[in-house]
Amino acid sequence: MDRIHEMKSPAEIVHLMMSKDEFSSWMDIQIDSIEKGKCSLSCQIRKEMLNGFSIAHGGIAYSLADSTLAFAANSYGLQSFSIETSISHLVKVKEGDLLKSNSIEIHRGNKTALYQIEVYNQKNIMVAIMKGTVYISKIVW
């Protein structure tokens, strides 16, 4: 059997990643969709995710976007690791908000890939946008 047919599906890879990801479990991240190069996740903002201003800590939107980036990049079956990310927080996020993230694959080469991750609230207002570059290894999931 050739190597391509031995590779796990995007869903199998993400479930394997999630099974070892205690932080994403703590956030109660839900996998809304996953396919090669694309991922959508969601999570509800809880009281323990708030900062001293009683709004969601910026790390929450970042972490949701970072998991979206990781799952989208790894969905092809080769382990991929972020090498650079940047995020802009556009709107404050409050307790009870439902955040949804979507990945957009901008470029995928042999060694690196570039993604844009958009994070929206339940009113479909963009609350954050991330750009992330990943290194694509030769390690098969």
Protein backbone atom coordinates (compact mmCIF):
# COMPACT_ATOMS: atom_id res chain seq x y z
CA MET A 1 0.00 0.00 0.00
CA ASP A 2 1.47 3.39 -0.92
CA ARG A 3 2.09 6.13 1.64
CA ILE A 4 -0.87 8.32 0.64
CA HIS A 5 -3.38 5.54 1.34
CA GLU A 6 -1.82 4.95 4.77
CA MET A 7 -2.37 8.53 5.90
CA LYS A 8 -5.08 9.27 8.41
CA SER A 9 -8.10 11.33 7.42
CA PRO A 10 -8.34 14.98 8.56
CA ALA A 11 -10.96 13.98 11.16
CA GLU A 12 -8.76 11.18 12.53
CA ILE A 13 -5.79 13.54 12.81
CA VAL A 14 -7.78 16.25 14.60
CA HIS A 15 -9.34 13.76 17.02
CA LEU A 16 -5.87 12.41 17.78
CA MET A 17 -4.54 15.94 18.35
CA MET A 18 -7.53 16.85 20.55
CA SER A 19 -7.14 13.68 22.64
CA LYS A 20 -3.73 14.97 23.79
CA ASP A 21 -4.62 18.69 24.01
CA GLU A 22 -5.55 19.47 27.61
CA PHE A 23 -5.81 23.23 26.98
CA SER A 24 -8.26 22.90 24.10
CA SER A 25 -10.23 20.47 26.27
CA TRP A 26 -10.29 23.04 29.11
CA MET A 27 -11.59 25.61 26.61
CA ASP A 28 -14.26 23.08 25.54
CA ILE A 29 -13.40 23.65 21.89
CA GLN A 30 -15.89 22.05 19.52
CA ILE A 31 -14.89 20.83 16.06
CA ASP A 32 -17.51 22.20 13.69
CA SER A 33 -15.86 21.03 10.47
CA ILE A 34 -12.55 19.69 9.24
CA GLU A 35 -11.26 18.85 5.79
CA LYS A 36 -7.90 19.15 4.07
CA GLY A 37 -6.68 22.71 4.60
CA LYS A 38 -9.89 23.91 6.26
CA CYS A 39 -11.11 23.91 9.83
CA SER A 40 -13.93 25.55 11.80
CA LEU A 41 -14.05 25.48 15.60
CA SER A 42 -16.18 27.09 18.30
CA CYS A 43 -16.14 27.70 22.03
CA GLN A 44 -18.30 29.44 24.64
CA ILE A 45 -16.75 32.15 26.82
CA ARG A 46 -16.95 31.24 30.51
CA LYS A 47 -16.31 33.35 33.61
CA GLU A 48 -12.89 31.80 34.23
CA MET A 49 -11.78 33.03 30.76
CA LEU A 50 -12.23 36.71 31.72
CA ASN A 51 -9.45 39.14 32.55
CA GLY A 52 -9.35 42.05 35.03
CA PHE A 53 -11.56 44.15 32.72
CA SER A 54 -14.33 41.50 32.82
CA ILE A 55 -13.82 40.72 29.14
CA ALA A 56 -12.30 37.59 27.61
CA HIS A 57 -8.55 37.38 27.98
CA GLY A 58 -6.94 37.93 24.57
CA GLY A 59 -5.33 34.52 24.88
CA ILE A 60 -8.73 32.87 24.50
CA ALA A 61 -9.41 34.16 20.97
CA TYR A 62 -5.74 33.56 20.18
CA SER A 63 -5.91 29.97 21.45
CA LEU A 64 -9.06 29.24 19.45
CA ALA A 65 -7.40 30.66 16.32
CA ASP A 66 -4.16 28.79 17.07
CA SER A 67 -5.99 25.46 17.35
CA THR A 68 -7.83 26.23 14.10
CA LEU A 69 -4.49 26.91 12.42
CA ALA A 70 -2.96 23.72 13.81
CA PHE A 71 -5.86 21.50 12.78
CA ALA A 72 -6.09 22.98 9.26
CA ALA A 73 -2.35 22.73 8.67
CA ASN A 74 -2.05 19.17 10.00
CA SER A 75 -5.12 17.93 8.12
CA TYR A 76 -3.04 16.84 5.12
CA GLY A 77 -1.38 14.10 7.15
CA LEU A 78 2.06 15.61 7.72
CA GLN A 79 2.90 17.09 11.10
CA SER A 80 3.05 20.87 10.82
CA PHE A 81 4.21 23.36 13.44
CA SER A 82 3.58 27.10 13.67
CA ILE A 83 6.69 29.22 13.14
CA GLU A 84 5.05 32.65 13.17
CA THR A 85 1.65 34.00 14.14
CA SER A 86 0.13 37.42 14.66
CA ILE A 87 -3.35 38.38 15.78
CA SER A 88 -5.42 41.54 15.80
CA HIS A 89 -8.22 41.81 18.37
CA LEU A 90 -11.01 43.88 16.82
CA VAL A 91 -13.96 43.73 19.24
CA LYS A 92 -14.10 42.87 22.94
CA VAL A 93 -15.44 39.46 23.84
CA LYS A 94 -17.74 38.98 26.83
CA GLU A 95 -18.83 36.13 29.07
CA GLY A 96 -21.46 34.04 27.31
CA ASP A 97 -20.25 34.93 23.81
CA LEU A 98 -19.92 32.04 21.38
CA LEU A 99 -16.76 32.32 19.30
CA LYS A 100 -16.47 30.60 15.94
CA SER A 101 -13.25 30.37 13.96
CA ASN A 102 -12.65 29.60 10.28
CA SER A 103 -9.40 28.96 8.46
CA ILE A 104 -8.48 30.18 5.01
CA GLU A 105 -5.49 28.53 3.37
CA ILE A 106 -3.68 31.29 1.54
CA HIS A 107 -0.64 29.32 0.35
CA ARG A 108 0.68 25.79 0.82
CA GLY A 109 4.12 24.90 -0.45
CA ASN A 110 6.43 21.94 0.18
CA LYS A 111 7.90 23.29 3.44
CA THR A 112 5.65 26.10 4.63
CA ALA A 113 2.02 27.15 4.50
CA LEU A 114 0.23 30.42 5.26
CA TYR A 115 -3.24 30.65 6.78
CA GLN A 116 -5.66 33.36 7.79
CA ILE A 117 -7.93 32.56 10.74
CA GLU A 118 -11.06 34.63 11.30
CA VAL A 119 -12.85 34.59 14.65
CA TYR A 120 -16.49 35.71 14.89
CA ASN A 121 -18.97 36.04 17.74
CA GLN A 122 -22.56 34.76 17.79
CA LYS A 123 -23.71 37.98 16.05
CA ASN A 124 -21.36 37.17 13.13
CA ILE A 125 -19.13 40.14 14.05
CA MET A 126 -15.43 39.52 13.48
CA VAL A 127 -13.70 39.80 16.84
CA ALA A 128 -10.16 38.77 15.82
CA ILE A 129 -8.08 37.89 12.80
CA MET A 130 -4.87 35.86 12.82
CA LYS A 131 -2.19 35.23 10.24
CA GLY A 132 -0.15 32.09 10.77
CA THR A 133 2.78 30.45 9.02
CA VAL A 134 3.54 26.78 9.61
CA TYR A 135 6.49 24.55 8.84
CA ILE A 136 5.46 21.30 7.12
CA SER A 137 7.58 18.39 8.33
CA LYS A 138 8.01 15.00 6.69
CA ILE A 139 6.56 13.26 9.78
CA VAL A 140 3.40 11.35 8.88
CA TRP A 141 0.54 11.31 11.40
